[in-house]
Amino acid sequence: MLPTVSVEVISEVLSGAGDQEKIRASWEEMIKANPALFTCITEIAVRESLKEEIRGEMILRGAMLAWESLRVQDEIDEMNREWGVE
């Protein structure tokens, strides 16, 4: 089951959306953790970029936001479980 992402996590992820190092780290994490998803997203982005460059960029940014939000929320939920906080 996918975690329910909190408003705080979304705000934190959005605040880092302009940081190239954070974006690179997120993509690298996706490549390691879910290469099939990474491949699918990049193939779609490339196809859309051929129609209009901005479309590919929008797909990549949206996918990164969704991936990073779910990843961070999952980490927080795991820490809370380990510490008995819920």
PDB file of N, CA and C in Angstrom:
ATOM      1  N   MET A   1       0.840  -1.184   0.000  1.00  0.00           N
ATOM      2  CA  MET A   1       0.000   0.000   0.000  1.00  0.00           C
ATOM      3  C   MET A   1       0.885   1.247   0.000  1.00  0.00           C
ATOM      4  N   LEU A   2       0.552   2.178  -0.816  1.00  0.00           N
ATOM      5  CA  LEU A   2       1.307   3.428  -0.872  1.00  0.00           C
ATOM      6  C   LEU A   2       0.980   4.289   0.344  1.00  0.00           C
ATOM      7  N   PRO A   3       1.980   5.021   0.856  1.00  0.00           N
ATOM      8  CA  PRO A   3       1.705   5.881   2.012  1.00  0.00           C
ATOM      9  C   PRO A   3       0.849   7.082   1.620  1.00  0.00           C
ATOM     10  N   THR A   4       0.113   7.588   2.596  1.00  0.00           N
ATOM     11  CA  THR A   4      -0.611   8.839   2.409  1.00  0.00           C
ATOM     12  C   THR A   4       0.367   9.961   2.710  1.00  0.00           C
ATOM     13  N   VAL A   5       0.609  10.808   1.739  1.00  0.00           N
ATOM     14  CA  VAL A   5       1.618  11.848   1.858  1.00  0.00           C
ATOM     15  C   VAL A   5       1.038  13.049   2.597  1.00  0.00           C
ATOM     16  N   SER A   6       1.771  13.504   3.611  1.00  0.00           N
ATOM     17  CA  SER A   6       1.316  14.641   4.409  1.00  0.00           C
ATOM     18  C   SER A   6       1.615  15.958   3.700  1.00  0.00           C
ATOM     19  N   VAL A   7       0.906  16.986   4.099  1.00  0.00           N
ATOM     20  CA  VAL A   7       1.121  18.328   3.561  1.00  0.00           C
ATOM     21  C   VAL A   7       2.542  18.786   3.869  1.00  0.00           C
ATOM     22  N   GLU A   8       3.053  18.427   5.044  1.00  0.00           N
ATOM     23  CA  GLU A   8       4.404  18.820   5.435  1.00  0.00           C
ATOM     24  C   GLU A   8       5.455  18.207   4.500  1.00  0.00           C
ATOM     25  N   VAL A   9       5.258  16.947   4.142  1.00  0.00           N
ATOM     26  CA  VAL A   9       6.196  16.294   3.226  1.00  0.00           C
ATOM     27  C   VAL A   9       6.136  16.959   1.852  1.00  0.00           C
ATOM     28  N   ILE A  10       4.949  17.224   1.367  1.00  0.00           N
ATOM     29  CA  ILE A  10       4.811  17.894   0.069  1.00  0.00           C
ATOM     30  C   ILE A  10       5.506  19.251   0.097  1.00  0.00           C
ATOM     31  N   SER A  11       5.310  20.011   1.166  1.00  0.00           N
ATOM     32  CA  SER A  11       5.963  21.321   1.279  1.00  0.00           C
ATOM     33  C   SER A  11       7.472  21.189   1.262  1.00  0.00           C
ATOM     34  N   GLU A  12       7.990  20.209   1.986  1.00  0.00           N
ATOM     35  CA  GLU A  12       9.440  19.983   2.030  1.00  0.00           C
ATOM     36  C   GLU A  12       9.983  19.584   0.660  1.00  0.00           C
ATOM     37  N   VAL A  13       9.294  18.684  -0.010  1.00  0.00           N
ATOM     38  CA  VAL A  13       9.740  18.245  -1.342  1.00  0.00           C
ATOM     39  C   VAL A  13       9.680  19.416  -2.324  1.00  0.00           C
ATOM     40  N   LEU A  14       8.618  20.187  -2.272  1.00  0.00           N
ATOM     41  CA  LEU A  14       8.507  21.341  -3.169  1.00  0.00           C
ATOM     42  C   LEU A  14       9.604  22.366  -2.909  1.00  0.00           C
ATOM     43  N   SER A  15       9.985  22.537  -1.643  1.00  0.00           N
ATOM     44  CA  SER A  15      11.033  23.516  -1.329  1.00  0.00           C
ATOM     45  C   SER A  15      12.383  23.101  -1.921  1.00  0.00           C
ATOM     46  N   GLY A  16      12.582  21.804  -2.127  1.00  0.00           N
ATOM     47  CA  GLY A  16      13.827  21.330  -2.718  1.00  0.00           C
ATOM     48  C   GLY A  16      13.756  21.108  -4.213  1.00  0.00           C
ATOM     49  N   ALA A  17      12.629  21.442  -4.820  1.00  0.00           N
ATOM     50  CA  ALA A  17      12.425  21.157  -6.249  1.00  0.00           C
ATOM     51  C   ALA A  17      13.364  21.939  -7.161  1.00  0.00           C
ATOM     52  N   GLY A  18      13.963  23.007  -6.668  1.00  0.00           N
ATOM     53  CA  GLY A  18      14.887  23.775  -7.485  1.00  0.00           C
ATOM     54  C   GLY A  18      16.347  23.423  -7.242  1.00  0.00           C
ATOM     55  N   ASP A  19      16.578  22.536  -6.293  1.00  0.00           N
ATOM     56  CA  ASP A  19      17.942  22.144  -5.923  1.00  0.00           C
ATOM     57  C   ASP A  19      18.395  20.988  -6.814  1.00  0.00           C
ATOM     58  N   GLN A  20      19.315  21.258  -7.712  1.00  0.00           N
ATOM     59  CA  GLN A  20      19.756  20.257  -8.684  1.00  0.00           C
ATOM     60  C   GLN A  20      20.360  19.022  -8.019  1.00  0.00           C
ATOM     61  N   GLU A  21      21.056  19.200  -6.902  1.00  0.00           N
ATOM     62  CA  GLU A  21      21.641  18.051  -6.197  1.00  0.00           C
ATOM     63  C   GLU A  21      20.551  17.141  -5.632  1.00  0.00           C
ATOM     64  N   LYS A  22      19.498  17.732  -5.070  1.00  0.00           N
ATOM     65  CA  LYS A  22      18.392  16.936  -4.534  1.00  0.00           C
ATOM     66  C   LYS A  22      17.666  16.206  -5.661  1.00  0.00           C
ATOM     67  N   ILE A  23      17.489  16.870  -6.769  1.00  0.00           N
ATOM     68  CA  ILE A  23      16.818  16.243  -7.912  1.00  0.00           C
ATOM     69  C   ILE A  23      17.656  15.070  -8.427  1.00  0.00           C
ATOM     70  N   ARG A  24      18.943  15.283  -8.568  1.00  0.00           N
ATOM     71  CA  ARG A  24      19.836  14.209  -9.038  1.00  0.00           C
ATOM     72  C   ARG A  24      19.815  13.028  -8.070  1.00  0.00           C
ATOM     73  N   ALA A  25      19.869  13.311  -6.779  1.00  0.00           N
ATOM     74  CA  ALA A  25      19.851  12.246  -5.773  1.00  0.00           C
ATOM     75  C   ALA A  25      18.544  11.457  -5.836  1.00  0.00           C
ATOM     76  N   SER A  26      17.444  12.155  -6.058  1.00  0.00           N
ATOM     77  CA  SER A  26      16.145  11.481  -6.155  1.00  0.00           C
ATOM     78  C   SER A  26      16.101  10.554  -7.363  1.00  0.00           C
ATOM     79  N   TRP A  27      16.579  11.033  -8.520  1.00  0.00           N
ATOM     80  CA  TRP A  27      16.599  10.191  -9.718  1.00  0.00           C
ATOM     81  C   TRP A  27      17.516   8.997  -9.532  1.00  0.00           C
ATOM     82  N   GLU A  28      18.679   9.215  -8.901  1.00  0.00           N
ATOM     83  CA  GLU A  28      19.602   8.111  -8.660  1.00  0.00           C
ATOM     84  C   GLU A  28      18.981   7.062  -7.740  1.00  0.00           C
ATOM     85  N   GLU A  29      18.226   7.521  -6.750  1.00  0.00           N
ATOM     86  CA  GLU A  29      17.526   6.592  -5.850  1.00  0.00           C
ATOM     87  C   GLU A  29      16.488   5.786  -6.622  1.00  0.00           C
ATOM     88  N   MET A  30      15.762   6.453  -7.529  1.00  0.00           N
ATOM     89  CA  MET A  30      14.764   5.736  -8.322  1.00  0.00           C
ATOM     90  C   MET A  30      15.430   4.699  -9.228  1.00  0.00           C
ATOM     91  N   ILE A  31      16.555   5.063  -9.829  1.00  0.00           N
ATOM     92  CA  ILE A  31      17.259   4.122 -10.705  1.00  0.00           C
ATOM     93  C   ILE A  31      17.622   2.865  -9.928  1.00  0.00           C
ATOM     94  N   LYS A  32      18.115   3.034  -8.701  1.00  0.00           N
ATOM     95  CA  LYS A  32      18.514   1.890  -7.877  1.00  0.00           C
ATOM     96  C   LYS A  32      17.305   1.098  -7.384  1.00  0.00           C
ATOM     97  N   ALA A  33      16.306   1.813  -6.871  1.00  0.00           N
ATOM     98  CA  ALA A  33      15.170   1.162  -6.216  1.00  0.00           C
ATOM     99  C   ALA A  33      14.132   0.620  -7.188  1.00  0.00           C
ATOM    100  N   ASN A  34      13.971   1.278  -8.335  1.00  0.00           N
ATOM    101  CA  ASN A  34      12.899   0.893  -9.246  1.00  0.00           C
ATOM    102  C   ASN A  34      13.298   1.218 -10.696  1.00  0.00           C
ATOM    103  N   PRO A  35      14.249   0.461 -11.243  1.00  0.00           N
ATOM    104  CA  PRO A  35      14.738   0.777 -12.593  1.00  0.00           C
ATOM    105  C   PRO A  35      13.663   0.700 -13.675  1.00  0.00           C
ATOM    106  N   ALA A  36      12.701  -0.191 -13.521  1.00  0.00           N
ATOM    107  CA  ALA A  36      11.637  -0.291 -14.531  1.00  0.00           C
ATOM    108  C   ALA A  36      10.807   0.988 -14.565  1.00  0.00           C
ATOM    109  N   LEU A  37      10.494   1.533 -13.393  1.00  0.00           N
ATOM    110  CA  LEU A  37       9.736   2.786 -13.331  1.00  0.00           C
ATOM    111  C   LEU A  37      10.551   3.924 -13.939  1.00  0.00           C
ATOM    112  N   PHE A  38      11.827   3.999 -13.587  1.00  0.00           N
ATOM    113  CA  PHE A  38      12.698   5.028 -14.140  1.00  0.00           C
ATOM    114  C   PHE A  38      12.725   4.955 -15.665  1.00  0.00           C
ATOM    115  N   THR A  39      12.903   3.763 -16.197  1.00  0.00           N
ATOM    116  CA  THR A  39      12.956   3.581 -17.647  1.00  0.00           C
ATOM    117  C   THR A  39      11.648   4.010 -18.303  1.00  0.00           C
ATOM    118  N   CYS A  40      10.547   3.612 -17.735  1.00  0.00           N
ATOM    119  CA  CYS A  40       9.230   3.972 -18.280  1.00  0.00           C
ATOM    120  C   CYS A  40       9.049   5.487 -18.308  1.00  0.00           C
ATOM    121  N   ILE A  41       9.353   6.140 -17.193  1.00  0.00           N
ATOM    122  CA  ILE A  41       9.179   7.595 -17.114  1.00  0.00           C
ATOM    123  C   ILE A  41      10.075   8.303 -18.120  1.00  0.00           C
ATOM    124  N   THR A  42      11.332   7.898 -18.208  1.00  0.00           N
ATOM    125  CA  THR A  42      12.237   8.583 -19.133  1.00  0.00           C
ATOM    126  C   THR A  42      11.847   8.335 -20.586  1.00  0.00           C
ATOM    127  N   GLU A  43      11.362   7.140 -20.902  1.00  0.00           N
ATOM    128  CA  GLU A  43      10.913   6.882 -22.275  1.00  0.00           C
ATOM    129  C   GLU A  43       9.715   7.754 -22.641  1.00  0.00           C
ATOM    130  N   ILE A  44       8.789   7.889 -21.734  1.00  0.00           N
ATOM    131  CA  ILE A  44       7.627   8.755 -21.977  1.00  0.00           C
ATOM    132  C   ILE A  44       8.081  10.202 -22.146  1.00  0.00           C
ATOM    133  N   ALA A  45       8.990  10.652 -21.268  1.00  0.00           N
ATOM    134  CA  ALA A  45       9.474  12.034 -21.342  1.00  0.00           C
ATOM    135  C   ALA A  45      10.190  12.299 -22.664  1.00  0.00           C
ATOM    136  N   VAL A  46      10.987  11.357 -23.118  1.00  0.00           N
ATOM    137  CA  VAL A  46      11.689  11.524 -24.393  1.00  0.00           C
ATOM    138  C   VAL A  46      10.686  11.623 -25.533  1.00  0.00           C
ATOM    139  N   ARG A  47       9.698  10.730 -25.543  1.00  0.00           N
ATOM    140  CA  ARG A  47       8.669  10.769 -26.595  1.00  0.00           C
ATOM    141  C   ARG A  47       7.952  12.107 -26.616  1.00  0.00           C
ATOM    142  N   GLU A  48       7.591  12.601 -25.432  1.00  0.00           N
ATOM    143  CA  GLU A  48       6.865  13.865 -25.363  1.00  0.00           C
ATOM    144  C   GLU A  48       7.757  15.040 -25.737  1.00  0.00           C
ATOM    145  N   SER A  49       9.050  14.957 -25.417  1.00  0.00           N
ATOM    146  CA  SER A  49       9.989  16.020 -25.775  1.00  0.00           C
ATOM    147  C   SER A  49      10.116  16.182 -27.283  1.00  0.00           C
ATOM    148  N   LEU A  50       9.944  15.079 -28.004  1.00  0.00           N
ATOM    149  CA  LEU A  50      10.010  15.159 -29.460  1.00  0.00           C
ATOM    150  C   LEU A  50       8.857  15.985 -30.019  1.00  0.00           C
ATOM    151  N   LYS A  51       7.724  15.981 -29.319  1.00  0.00           N
ATOM    152  CA  LYS A  51       6.575  16.789 -29.738  1.00  0.00           C
ATOM    153  C   LYS A  51       6.768  18.240 -29.327  1.00  0.00           C
ATOM    154  N   GLU A  52       7.191  18.420 -28.073  1.00  0.00           N
ATOM    155  CA  GLU A  52       7.417  19.757 -27.529  1.00  0.00           C
ATOM    156  C   GLU A  52       8.305  19.584 -26.296  1.00  0.00           C
ATOM    157  N   GLU A  53       9.450  20.239 -26.300  1.00  0.00           N
ATOM    158  CA  GLU A  53      10.452  20.017 -25.255  1.00  0.00           C
ATOM    159  C   GLU A  53       9.898  20.191 -23.845  1.00  0.00           C
ATOM    160  N   ILE A  54       9.085  21.194 -23.640  1.00  0.00           N
ATOM    161  CA  ILE A  54       8.561  21.479 -22.305  1.00  0.00           C
ATOM    162  C   ILE A  54       7.706  20.319 -21.773  1.00  0.00           C
ATOM    163  N   ARG A  55       7.075  19.592 -22.654  1.00  0.00           N
ATOM    164  CA  ARG A  55       6.229  18.471 -22.218  1.00  0.00           C
ATOM    165  C   ARG A  55       7.051  17.386 -21.531  1.00  0.00           C
ATOM    166  N   GLY A  56       8.205  17.071 -22.089  1.00  0.00           N
ATOM    167  CA  GLY A  56       9.081  16.089 -21.465  1.00  0.00           C
ATOM    168  C   GLY A  56       9.563  16.560 -20.111  1.00  0.00           C
ATOM    169  N   GLU A  57       9.927  17.828 -20.030  1.00  0.00           N
ATOM    170  CA  GLU A  57      10.378  18.412 -18.759  1.00  0.00           C
ATOM    171  C   GLU A  57       9.268  18.362 -17.712  1.00  0.00           C
ATOM    172  N   MET A  58       8.059  18.647 -18.117  1.00  0.00           N
ATOM    173  CA  MET A  58       6.923  18.614 -17.184  1.00  0.00           C
ATOM    174  C   MET A  58       6.702  17.200 -16.653  1.00  0.00           C
ATOM    175  N   ILE A  59       6.817  16.213 -17.514  1.00  0.00           N
ATOM    176  CA  ILE A  59       6.647  14.824 -17.084  1.00  0.00           C
ATOM    177  C   ILE A  59       7.725  14.454 -16.076  1.00  0.00           C
ATOM    178  N   LEU A  60       8.974  14.809 -16.370  1.00  0.00           N
ATOM    179  CA  LEU A  60      10.065  14.490 -15.461  1.00  0.00           C
ATOM    180  C   LEU A  60       9.890  15.180 -14.109  1.00  0.00           C
ATOM    181  N   ARG A  61       9.517  16.436 -14.112  1.00  0.00           N
ATOM    182  CA  ARG A  61       9.332  17.160 -12.850  1.00  0.00           C
ATOM    183  C   ARG A  61       8.165  16.597 -12.040  1.00  0.00           C
ATOM    184  N   GLY A  62       7.068  16.293 -12.710  1.00  0.00           N
ATOM    185  CA  GLY A  62       5.915  15.719 -12.010  1.00  0.00           C
ATOM    186  C   GLY A  62       6.216  14.349 -11.427  1.00  0.00           C
ATOM    187  N   ALA A  63       6.918  13.533 -12.211  1.00  0.00           N
ATOM    188  CA  ALA A  63       7.278  12.198 -11.736  1.00  0.00           C
ATOM    189  C   ALA A  63       8.220  12.286 -10.545  1.00  0.00           C
ATOM    190  N   MET A  64       9.190  13.202 -10.617  1.00  0.00           N
ATOM    191  CA  MET A  64      10.117  13.367  -9.505  1.00  0.00           C
ATOM    192  C   MET A  64       9.390  13.813  -8.245  1.00  0.00           C
ATOM    193  N   LEU A  65       8.459  14.743  -8.385  1.00  0.00           N
ATOM    194  CA  LEU A  65       7.692  15.216  -7.229  1.00  0.00           C
ATOM    195  C   LEU A  65       6.905  14.073  -6.595  1.00  0.00           C
ATOM    196  N   ALA A  66       6.236  13.276  -7.406  1.00  0.00           N
ATOM    197  CA  ALA A  66       5.457  12.151  -6.881  1.00  0.00           C
ATOM    198  C   ALA A  66       6.377  11.118  -6.236  1.00  0.00           C
ATOM    199  N   TRP A  67       7.449  10.732  -6.923  1.00  0.00           N
ATOM    200  CA  TRP A  67       8.388   9.736  -6.402  1.00  0.00           C
ATOM    201  C   TRP A  67       8.988  10.195  -5.072  1.00  0.00           C
ATOM    202  N   GLU A  68       9.502  11.418  -5.047  1.00  0.00           N
ATOM    203  CA  GLU A  68      10.177  11.918  -3.855  1.00  0.00           C
ATOM    204  C   GLU A  68       9.203  12.070  -2.691  1.00  0.00           C
ATOM    205  N   SER A  69       7.986  12.507  -2.958  1.00  0.00           N
ATOM    206  CA  SER A  69       6.979  12.631  -1.897  1.00  0.00           C
ATOM    207  C   SER A  69       6.662  11.269  -1.280  1.00  0.00           C
ATOM    208  N   LEU A  70       6.451  10.270  -2.115  1.00  0.00           N
ATOM    209  CA  LEU A  70       6.165   8.921  -1.614  1.00  0.00           C
ATOM    210  C   LEU A  70       7.367   8.330  -0.888  1.00  0.00           C
ATOM    211  N   ARG A  71       8.567   8.552  -1.419  1.00  0.00           N
ATOM    212  CA  ARG A  71       9.785   8.016  -0.808  1.00  0.00           C
ATOM    213  C   ARG A  71      10.023   8.621   0.576  1.00  0.00           C
ATOM    214  N   VAL A  72       9.923   9.937   0.669  1.00  0.00           N
ATOM    215  CA  VAL A  72      10.147  10.618   1.946  1.00  0.00           C
ATOM    216  C   VAL A  72       9.081  10.219   2.958  1.00  0.00           C
ATOM    217  N   GLN A  73       7.822  10.184   2.530  1.00  0.00           N
ATOM    218  CA  GLN A  73       6.750   9.805   3.458  1.00  0.00           C
ATOM    219  C   GLN A  73       6.951   8.382   3.964  1.00  0.00           C
ATOM    220  N   ASP A  74       7.373   7.481   3.077  1.00  0.00           N
ATOM    221  CA  ASP A  74       7.628   6.100   3.479  1.00  0.00           C
ATOM    222  C   ASP A  74       8.741   6.042   4.523  1.00  0.00           C
ATOM    223  N   GLU A  75       9.805   6.821   4.333  1.00  0.00           N
ATOM    224  CA  GLU A  75      10.892   6.866   5.320  1.00  0.00           C
ATOM    225  C   GLU A  75      10.386   7.377   6.669  1.00  0.00           C
ATOM    226  N   ILE A  76       9.591   8.422   6.649  1.00  0.00           N
ATOM    227  CA  ILE A  76       9.044   8.978   7.886  1.00  0.00           C
ATOM    228  C   ILE A  76       8.151   7.954   8.578  1.00  0.00           C
ATOM    229  N   ASP A  77       7.282   7.312   7.816  1.00  0.00           N
ATOM    230  CA  ASP A  77       6.395   6.305   8.390  1.00  0.00           C
ATOM    231  C   ASP A  77       7.185   5.155   9.003  1.00  0.00           C
ATOM    232  N   GLU A  78       8.247   4.736   8.332  1.00  0.00           N
ATOM    233  CA  GLU A  78       9.093   3.650   8.849  1.00  0.00           C
ATOM    234  C   GLU A  78       9.766   4.060  10.151  1.00  0.00           C
ATOM    235  N   MET A  79      10.306   5.278  10.200  1.00  0.00           N
ATOM    236  CA  MET A  79      10.924   5.759  11.443  1.00  0.00           C
ATOM    237  C   MET A  79       9.902   5.828  12.562  1.00  0.00           C
ATOM    238  N   ASN A  80       8.707   6.308  12.247  1.00  0.00           N
ATOM    239  CA  ASN A  80       7.656   6.376  13.265  1.00  0.00           C
ATOM    240  C   ASN A  80       7.297   4.996  13.792  1.00  0.00           C
ATOM    241  N   ARG A  81       7.219   4.011  12.921  1.00  0.00           N
ATOM    242  CA  ARG A  81       6.932   2.639  13.361  1.00  0.00           C
ATOM    243  C   ARG A  81       8.039   2.119  14.273  1.00  0.00           C
ATOM    244  N   GLU A  82       9.286   2.373  13.877  1.00  0.00           N
ATOM    245  CA  GLU A  82      10.421   1.914  14.673  1.00  0.00           C
ATOM    246  C   GLU A  82      10.448   2.551  16.057  1.00  0.00           C
ATOM    247  N   TRP A  83      10.037   3.793  16.153  1.00  0.00           N
ATOM    248  CA  TRP A  83      10.047   4.527  17.418  1.00  0.00           C
ATOM    249  C   TRP A  83       8.718   4.422  18.168  1.00  0.00           C
ATOM    250  N   GLY A  84       7.755   3.724  17.579  1.00  0.00           N
ATOM    251  CA  GLY A  84       6.460   3.560  18.232  1.00  0.00           C
ATOM    252  C   GLY A  84       5.594   4.795  18.210  1.00  0.00           C
ATOM    253  N   VAL A  85       5.831   5.668  17.251  1.00  0.00           N
ATOM    254  CA  VAL A  85       5.056   6.897  17.100  1.00  0.00           C
ATOM    255  C   VAL A  85       4.054   6.687  15.975  1.00  0.00           C
ATOM    256  N   GLU A  86       2.776   6.891  16.266  1.00  0.00           N
ATOM    257  CA  GLU A  86       1.772   6.782  15.200  1.00  0.00           C
ATOM    258  C   GLU A  86       0.526   7.508  15.539  1.00  0.00           C
TER     259      GLU A  86
END
